[in-house]
N, C-alpha and C. Protein backbone atom coordinates (compact mmCIF):
# COMPACT_ATOMS: atom_id res chain seq x y z
N UNK A 1 74.08 106.05 92.71
CA UNK A 1 74.55 104.78 93.23
C UNK A 1 76.03 104.91 93.57
N UNK A 2 76.38 104.45 94.77
CA UNK A 2 77.77 104.55 95.22
C UNK A 2 78.61 103.41 94.64
N UNK A 3 79.88 103.67 94.41
CA UNK A 3 80.76 102.58 93.95
C UNK A 3 80.84 101.47 95.00
N UNK A 4 81.15 100.28 94.55
CA UNK A 4 81.17 99.11 95.42
C UNK A 4 82.15 99.28 96.59
N UNK A 5 83.29 99.86 96.35
CA UNK A 5 84.28 99.96 97.42
C UNK A 5 83.88 100.95 98.51
N UNK A 6 82.91 101.81 98.25
CA UNK A 6 82.47 102.78 99.25
C UNK A 6 81.22 102.35 100.00
N UNK A 7 80.68 101.20 99.69
CA UNK A 7 79.46 100.75 100.37
C UNK A 7 79.72 100.45 101.84
N UNK A 8 80.86 99.89 102.16
CA UNK A 8 81.19 99.59 103.54
C UNK A 8 82.53 100.28 103.84
N UNK A 9 82.48 101.54 104.24
CA UNK A 9 83.73 102.29 104.37
C UNK A 9 84.47 102.10 105.69
N UNK A 10 84.19 101.02 106.43
CA UNK A 10 84.90 100.83 107.70
C UNK A 10 86.35 100.44 107.41
N UNK A 11 87.31 101.10 108.03
CA UNK A 11 88.72 100.79 107.75
C UNK A 11 89.24 99.59 108.53
N UNK A 12 88.45 99.02 109.42
CA UNK A 12 88.92 97.94 110.28
C UNK A 12 89.21 96.66 109.48
N UNK A 13 88.27 96.26 108.63
CA UNK A 13 88.41 94.99 107.90
C UNK A 13 89.60 95.03 106.94
N UNK A 14 89.73 96.04 106.07
CA UNK A 14 90.91 96.07 105.21
C UNK A 14 92.22 96.19 106.00
N UNK A 15 92.18 96.88 107.12
CA UNK A 15 93.38 97.00 107.96
C UNK A 15 93.80 95.66 108.53
N UNK A 16 92.84 94.86 108.96
CA UNK A 16 93.15 93.53 109.50
C UNK A 16 93.68 92.61 108.41
N UNK A 17 93.16 92.74 107.21
CA UNK A 17 93.63 91.90 106.10
C UNK A 17 95.03 92.31 105.65
N UNK A 18 95.38 93.58 105.81
CA UNK A 18 96.69 94.05 105.36
C UNK A 18 97.78 93.86 106.42
N UNK A 19 97.42 93.61 107.65
CA UNK A 19 98.41 93.51 108.73
C UNK A 19 99.47 92.43 108.50
N UNK A 20 99.11 91.20 108.08
CA UNK A 20 100.17 90.22 107.83
C UNK A 20 101.14 90.64 106.73
N UNK A 21 100.63 91.33 105.73
CA UNK A 21 101.48 91.78 104.64
C UNK A 21 102.46 92.84 105.12
N UNK A 22 102.04 93.66 106.05
CA UNK A 22 102.90 94.71 106.58
C UNK A 22 103.96 94.14 107.52
N UNK A 23 103.68 93.02 108.16
CA UNK A 23 104.63 92.42 109.10
C UNK A 23 105.93 92.00 108.43
N UNK A 24 105.86 91.57 107.18
CA UNK A 24 107.05 91.07 106.50
C UNK A 24 108.11 92.16 106.33
N UNK A 25 107.79 93.30 105.68
CA UNK A 25 108.87 94.28 105.51
C UNK A 25 109.32 94.94 106.81
N UNK A 26 108.47 94.94 107.81
CA UNK A 26 108.87 95.53 109.09
C UNK A 26 109.78 94.62 109.89
N UNK A 27 109.66 93.33 109.71
CA UNK A 27 110.45 92.41 110.53
C UNK A 27 111.72 91.93 109.83
N UNK A 28 111.81 92.04 108.52
CA UNK A 28 112.98 91.53 107.81
C UNK A 28 114.28 92.27 108.13
N UNK A 29 114.28 93.56 108.47
CA UNK A 29 115.57 94.17 108.85
C UNK A 29 116.23 93.52 110.07
N UNK A 30 115.46 92.83 110.88
CA UNK A 30 116.02 92.17 112.05
C UNK A 30 116.77 90.89 111.70
N UNK A 31 116.78 90.55 110.42
CA UNK A 31 117.51 89.37 109.94
C UNK A 31 118.98 89.49 110.29
N UNK A 32 119.52 90.70 110.27
CA UNK A 32 120.93 90.89 110.54
C UNK A 32 121.28 90.54 111.99
N UNK A 33 120.31 90.59 112.87
CA UNK A 33 120.55 90.19 114.25
C UNK A 33 120.69 88.67 114.33
N UNK A 34 119.87 87.96 113.56
CA UNK A 34 119.87 86.51 113.62
C UNK A 34 120.99 85.88 112.80
N UNK A 35 121.43 86.55 111.74
CA UNK A 35 122.46 86.00 110.87
C UNK A 35 123.53 87.05 110.65
N UNK A 36 124.53 87.05 111.50
CA UNK A 36 125.58 88.06 111.44
C UNK A 36 126.46 87.89 110.21
N UNK A 37 126.38 86.74 109.55
CA UNK A 37 127.15 86.53 108.33
C UNK A 37 126.71 87.48 107.22
N UNK A 38 125.47 87.95 107.27
CA UNK A 38 125.01 88.91 106.27
C UNK A 38 125.76 90.23 106.37
N UNK A 39 126.36 90.50 107.49
CA UNK A 39 127.19 91.69 107.63
C UNK A 39 128.62 91.43 107.17
N UNK A 40 128.85 90.24 106.61
CA UNK A 40 130.15 89.78 106.09
C UNK A 40 131.20 89.68 107.18
N UNK A 41 130.76 89.37 108.40
CA UNK A 41 131.68 89.20 109.52
C UNK A 41 131.75 87.73 109.89
N UNK A 42 132.96 87.21 109.98
CA UNK A 42 133.15 85.82 110.38
C UNK A 42 133.29 85.69 111.89
N UNK A 43 133.62 86.77 112.56
CA UNK A 43 133.78 86.74 114.01
C UNK A 43 134.74 87.83 114.46
N UNK A 44 135.24 87.64 115.68
CA UNK A 44 136.16 88.60 116.28
C UNK A 44 137.44 87.89 116.71
N UNK A 45 138.53 88.61 116.65
CA UNK A 45 139.79 88.07 117.18
C UNK A 45 139.82 88.29 118.68
N UNK A 46 140.83 87.78 119.33
CA UNK A 46 140.95 87.95 120.78
C UNK A 46 141.14 89.41 121.16
N UNK A 47 141.74 90.19 120.26
CA UNK A 47 141.95 91.61 120.54
C UNK A 47 140.73 92.46 120.20
N UNK A 48 139.70 91.86 119.64
CA UNK A 48 138.47 92.58 119.34
C UNK A 48 138.36 93.06 117.90
N UNK A 49 139.32 92.72 117.06
CA UNK A 49 139.24 93.10 115.65
C UNK A 49 138.26 92.19 114.92
N UNK A 50 137.65 92.73 113.88
CA UNK A 50 136.67 91.99 113.10
C UNK A 50 137.38 91.12 112.07
N UNK A 51 136.92 89.86 111.97
CA UNK A 51 137.40 88.96 110.93
C UNK A 51 136.35 88.99 109.82
N UNK A 52 136.74 89.48 108.65
CA UNK A 52 135.82 89.62 107.54
C UNK A 52 135.79 88.36 106.68
N UNK A 53 134.66 88.09 106.06
CA UNK A 53 134.54 86.98 105.13
C UNK A 53 135.04 87.46 103.77
N UNK A 54 136.04 86.81 103.22
CA UNK A 54 136.64 87.22 101.97
C UNK A 54 136.33 86.29 100.80
N UNK A 55 135.80 85.12 101.08
CA UNK A 55 135.52 84.14 100.03
C UNK A 55 134.23 84.51 99.30
N UNK A 56 134.31 84.76 98.01
CA UNK A 56 133.16 85.19 97.23
C UNK A 56 132.09 84.11 97.16
N UNK A 57 132.49 82.84 97.10
CA UNK A 57 131.51 81.75 97.04
C UNK A 57 130.75 81.61 98.36
N UNK A 58 131.43 81.82 99.46
CA UNK A 58 130.76 81.79 100.76
C UNK A 58 129.78 82.95 100.88
N UNK A 59 130.16 84.12 100.38
CA UNK A 59 129.26 85.27 100.41
C UNK A 59 128.03 85.04 99.54
N UNK A 60 128.22 84.47 98.36
CA UNK A 60 127.08 84.16 97.49
C UNK A 60 126.15 83.14 98.15
N UNK A 61 126.73 82.13 98.79
CA UNK A 61 125.93 81.13 99.51
C UNK A 61 125.12 81.79 100.62
N UNK A 62 125.76 82.66 101.40
CA UNK A 62 125.09 83.33 102.52
C UNK A 62 123.92 84.17 102.02
N UNK A 63 124.15 84.94 100.97
CA UNK A 63 123.09 85.81 100.47
C UNK A 63 121.97 85.02 99.80
N UNK A 64 122.29 83.94 99.09
CA UNK A 64 121.26 83.12 98.45
C UNK A 64 120.38 82.44 99.50
N UNK A 65 121.02 81.89 100.53
CA UNK A 65 120.26 81.23 101.59
C UNK A 65 119.40 82.23 102.35
N UNK A 66 119.94 83.42 102.62
CA UNK A 66 119.16 84.44 103.32
C UNK A 66 117.97 84.90 102.48
N UNK A 67 118.15 85.01 101.17
CA UNK A 67 117.05 85.41 100.30
C UNK A 67 115.93 84.37 100.33
N UNK A 68 116.28 83.11 100.26
CA UNK A 68 115.27 82.05 100.30
C UNK A 68 114.61 82.00 101.67
N UNK A 69 115.38 82.25 102.73
CA UNK A 69 114.79 82.30 104.06
C UNK A 69 113.80 83.45 104.18
N UNK A 70 114.08 84.57 103.54
CA UNK A 70 113.13 85.69 103.55
C UNK A 70 111.86 85.33 102.79
N UNK A 71 112.02 84.61 101.67
CA UNK A 71 110.84 84.14 100.93
C UNK A 71 110.01 83.19 101.79
N UNK A 72 110.67 82.30 102.51
CA UNK A 72 109.96 81.36 103.38
C UNK A 72 109.23 82.11 104.50
N UNK A 73 109.86 83.13 105.04
CA UNK A 73 109.22 83.91 106.10
C UNK A 73 108.01 84.66 105.57
N UNK A 74 108.14 85.25 104.38
CA UNK A 74 107.01 85.96 103.78
C UNK A 74 105.86 85.00 103.49
N UNK A 75 106.17 83.80 103.00
CA UNK A 75 105.13 82.81 102.74
C UNK A 75 104.48 82.35 104.03
N UNK A 76 105.26 82.23 105.11
CA UNK A 76 104.71 81.85 106.41
C UNK A 76 103.73 82.92 106.90
N UNK A 77 104.11 84.17 106.81
CA UNK A 77 103.26 85.26 107.30
C UNK A 77 101.99 85.38 106.46
N UNK A 78 102.12 85.30 105.14
CA UNK A 78 100.98 85.53 104.27
C UNK A 78 100.11 84.30 104.06
N UNK A 79 100.63 83.11 104.35
CA UNK A 79 99.84 81.90 104.23
C UNK A 79 99.67 81.43 102.80
N UNK A 80 100.56 81.86 101.91
CA UNK A 80 100.49 81.45 100.52
C UNK A 80 101.90 81.26 100.00
N UNK A 81 102.15 80.12 99.37
CA UNK A 81 103.46 79.84 98.80
C UNK A 81 103.27 79.60 97.30
N UNK A 82 103.04 78.40 96.86
CA UNK A 82 102.64 78.14 95.48
C UNK A 82 101.14 77.89 95.43
N UNK A 83 100.57 77.70 96.59
CA UNK A 83 99.14 77.50 96.78
C UNK A 83 98.85 77.92 98.22
N UNK A 84 97.60 77.94 98.60
CA UNK A 84 97.29 78.30 99.98
C UNK A 84 97.91 77.28 100.94
N UNK A 85 98.45 77.77 102.03
CA UNK A 85 99.12 76.90 103.01
C UNK A 85 98.15 76.53 104.13
N UNK A 86 98.16 75.27 104.50
CA UNK A 86 97.45 74.90 105.72
C UNK A 86 98.39 75.17 106.90
N UNK A 87 97.95 74.90 108.10
CA UNK A 87 98.75 75.29 109.27
C UNK A 87 100.03 74.46 109.40
N UNK A 88 100.00 73.22 108.92
CA UNK A 88 101.21 72.38 108.97
C UNK A 88 102.26 72.93 108.02
N UNK A 89 101.83 73.31 106.82
CA UNK A 89 102.78 73.86 105.86
C UNK A 89 103.34 75.20 106.34
N UNK A 90 102.53 75.96 107.03
CA UNK A 90 103.04 77.22 107.58
C UNK A 90 104.08 76.96 108.66
N UNK A 91 103.86 75.95 109.48
CA UNK A 91 104.87 75.60 110.48
C UNK A 91 106.16 75.09 109.83
N UNK A 92 106.02 74.34 108.74
CA UNK A 92 107.20 73.87 108.01
C UNK A 92 107.95 75.07 107.43
N UNK A 93 107.24 76.05 106.89
CA UNK A 93 107.90 77.24 106.38
C UNK A 93 108.62 78.00 107.48
N UNK A 94 108.02 78.07 108.66
CA UNK A 94 108.68 78.73 109.79
C UNK A 94 109.94 77.96 110.19
N UNK A 95 109.85 76.64 110.21
CA UNK A 95 111.02 75.83 110.55
C UNK A 95 112.12 76.00 109.51
N UNK A 96 111.75 76.06 108.24
CA UNK A 96 112.73 76.28 107.17
C UNK A 96 113.39 77.64 107.35
N UNK A 97 112.60 78.63 107.68
CA UNK A 97 113.13 79.97 107.90
C UNK A 97 114.14 79.98 109.04
N UNK A 98 113.81 79.33 110.13
CA UNK A 98 114.73 79.27 111.27
C UNK A 98 116.00 78.49 110.92
N UNK A 99 115.84 77.38 110.22
CA UNK A 99 117.00 76.57 109.83
C UNK A 99 117.93 77.36 108.91
N UNK A 100 117.36 78.13 108.00
CA UNK A 100 118.21 78.87 107.06
C UNK A 100 118.84 80.11 107.70
N UNK A 101 118.10 80.79 108.56
CA UNK A 101 118.65 81.98 109.21
C UNK A 101 119.63 81.64 110.33
N UNK A 102 119.26 80.68 111.16
CA UNK A 102 120.09 80.31 112.32
C UNK A 102 120.36 78.81 112.30
N UNK A 103 121.24 78.34 111.43
CA UNK A 103 121.51 76.90 111.40
C UNK A 103 122.18 76.40 112.67
N UNK A 104 122.71 77.31 113.49
CA UNK A 104 123.35 76.89 114.74
C UNK A 104 122.35 76.23 115.69
N UNK A 105 121.06 76.53 115.53
CA UNK A 105 120.05 75.88 116.36
C UNK A 105 120.10 74.37 116.16
N UNK A 106 120.34 73.94 114.93
CA UNK A 106 120.40 72.52 114.61
C UNK A 106 121.82 71.98 114.74
N UNK A 107 122.80 72.74 114.26
CA UNK A 107 124.17 72.23 114.25
C UNK A 107 124.72 72.02 115.65
N UNK A 108 124.29 72.82 116.61
CA UNK A 108 124.74 72.62 118.00
C UNK A 108 124.16 71.35 118.61
N UNK A 109 122.97 70.96 118.16
CA UNK A 109 122.32 69.77 118.70
C UNK A 109 122.82 68.49 118.02
N UNK A 110 122.97 68.53 116.71
CA UNK A 110 123.30 67.33 115.94
C UNK A 110 124.79 67.20 115.68
N UNK A 111 125.43 68.31 115.38
CA UNK A 111 126.85 68.27 115.08
C UNK A 111 127.16 68.24 113.60
N UNK A 112 126.16 68.48 112.75
CA UNK A 112 126.41 68.53 111.31
C UNK A 112 127.00 69.88 110.93
N UNK A 113 127.60 69.94 109.76
CA UNK A 113 128.14 71.20 109.27
C UNK A 113 127.00 72.15 108.92
N UNK A 114 127.28 73.42 109.02
CA UNK A 114 126.30 74.47 108.77
C UNK A 114 125.72 74.37 107.36
N UNK A 115 126.58 74.16 106.37
CA UNK A 115 126.14 74.12 104.98
C UNK A 115 125.23 72.92 104.71
N UNK A 116 125.48 71.82 105.39
CA UNK A 116 124.63 70.63 105.22
C UNK A 116 123.23 70.91 105.76
N UNK A 117 123.14 71.53 106.93
CA UNK A 117 121.84 71.86 107.52
C UNK A 117 121.10 72.84 106.63
N UNK A 118 121.80 73.85 106.12
CA UNK A 118 121.15 74.80 105.23
C UNK A 118 120.74 74.13 103.92
N UNK A 119 121.55 73.21 103.43
CA UNK A 119 121.18 72.46 102.24
C UNK A 119 119.92 71.64 102.45
N UNK A 120 119.79 71.02 103.62
CA UNK A 120 118.57 70.27 103.94
C UNK A 120 117.36 71.21 104.01
N UNK A 121 117.57 72.42 104.52
CA UNK A 121 116.50 73.41 104.54
C UNK A 121 116.08 73.81 103.14
N UNK A 122 117.05 73.95 102.24
CA UNK A 122 116.74 74.28 100.86
C UNK A 122 115.99 73.15 100.17
N UNK A 123 116.38 71.90 100.47
CA UNK A 123 115.67 70.74 99.90
C UNK A 123 114.23 70.71 100.41
N UNK A 124 114.03 70.98 101.69
CA UNK A 124 112.67 71.02 102.24
C UNK A 124 111.85 72.13 101.60
N UNK A 125 112.48 73.27 101.37
CA UNK A 125 111.81 74.40 100.71
C UNK A 125 111.37 74.01 99.30
N UNK A 126 112.28 73.41 98.55
CA UNK A 126 111.95 72.97 97.20
C UNK A 126 110.90 71.87 97.18
N UNK A 127 110.97 70.94 98.14
CA UNK A 127 109.97 69.88 98.22
C UNK A 127 108.59 70.41 98.53
N UNK A 128 108.51 71.38 99.44
CA UNK A 128 107.22 71.97 99.77
C UNK A 128 106.66 72.74 98.57
N UNK A 129 107.52 73.42 97.85
CA UNK A 129 107.08 74.13 96.64
C UNK A 129 106.51 73.15 95.62
N UNK A 130 107.22 72.06 95.36
CA UNK A 130 106.75 71.09 94.37
C UNK A 130 105.44 70.44 94.81
N UNK A 131 105.32 70.14 96.10
CA UNK A 131 104.09 69.53 96.61
C UNK A 131 102.90 70.49 96.42
N UNK A 132 103.10 71.75 96.74
CA UNK A 132 102.00 72.70 96.58
C UNK A 132 101.69 72.95 95.11
N UNK A 133 102.71 72.95 94.29
CA UNK A 133 102.50 73.17 92.85
C UNK A 133 101.67 72.03 92.26
N UNK A 134 101.97 70.78 92.63
CA UNK A 134 101.19 69.64 92.13
C UNK A 134 99.77 69.69 92.66
N UNK A 135 99.59 70.09 93.91
CA UNK A 135 98.24 70.20 94.48
C UNK A 135 97.43 71.25 93.74
N UNK A 136 98.05 72.39 93.42
CA UNK A 136 97.35 73.44 92.70
C UNK A 136 96.96 72.98 91.28
N UNK A 137 97.84 72.24 90.62
CA UNK A 137 97.53 71.74 89.27
C UNK A 137 96.38 70.74 89.31
N UNK A 138 96.37 69.86 90.33
CA UNK A 138 95.28 68.88 90.44
C UNK A 138 93.96 69.58 90.72
N UNK A 139 93.99 70.62 91.52
CA UNK A 139 92.77 71.35 91.84
C UNK A 139 92.24 72.08 90.61
N UNK A 140 93.11 72.66 89.79
CA UNK A 140 92.69 73.36 88.59
C UNK A 140 92.15 72.37 87.56
N UNK A 141 92.78 71.20 87.45
CA UNK A 141 92.34 70.20 86.47
C UNK A 141 91.00 69.58 86.86
N UNK A 142 90.68 69.55 88.14
CA UNK A 142 89.43 68.90 88.58
C UNK A 142 88.22 69.76 88.39
């Protein structure tokens, strides 16, 4: 008798199931293109010299927000956060990811400060987590 995993040895099905998981580590290095602050650069002077970010609290904020944005992107790709995501929650995770990585998309339209927009993205991330956590608990209790 053959082991269960060898009964259907076609590599297509496991490959299709693993593809979303592989997309996350392959696409995350491109984060530096979308958020140049992760390179600790504040911009350029008129002569072309780099202006570096020297404030440790600003650097911690940048890295914390980028880490949470990466978590949101991974949850969007995999379709699981604290519970299985429906398509609306996946779109919310994608929007959170965009807001956290490129807050200029919102700040240019509304005129709010960058940190406020990122803070709203973090609140949305936490709210979605709590909502899914309560849904998972209700489902387990039922």
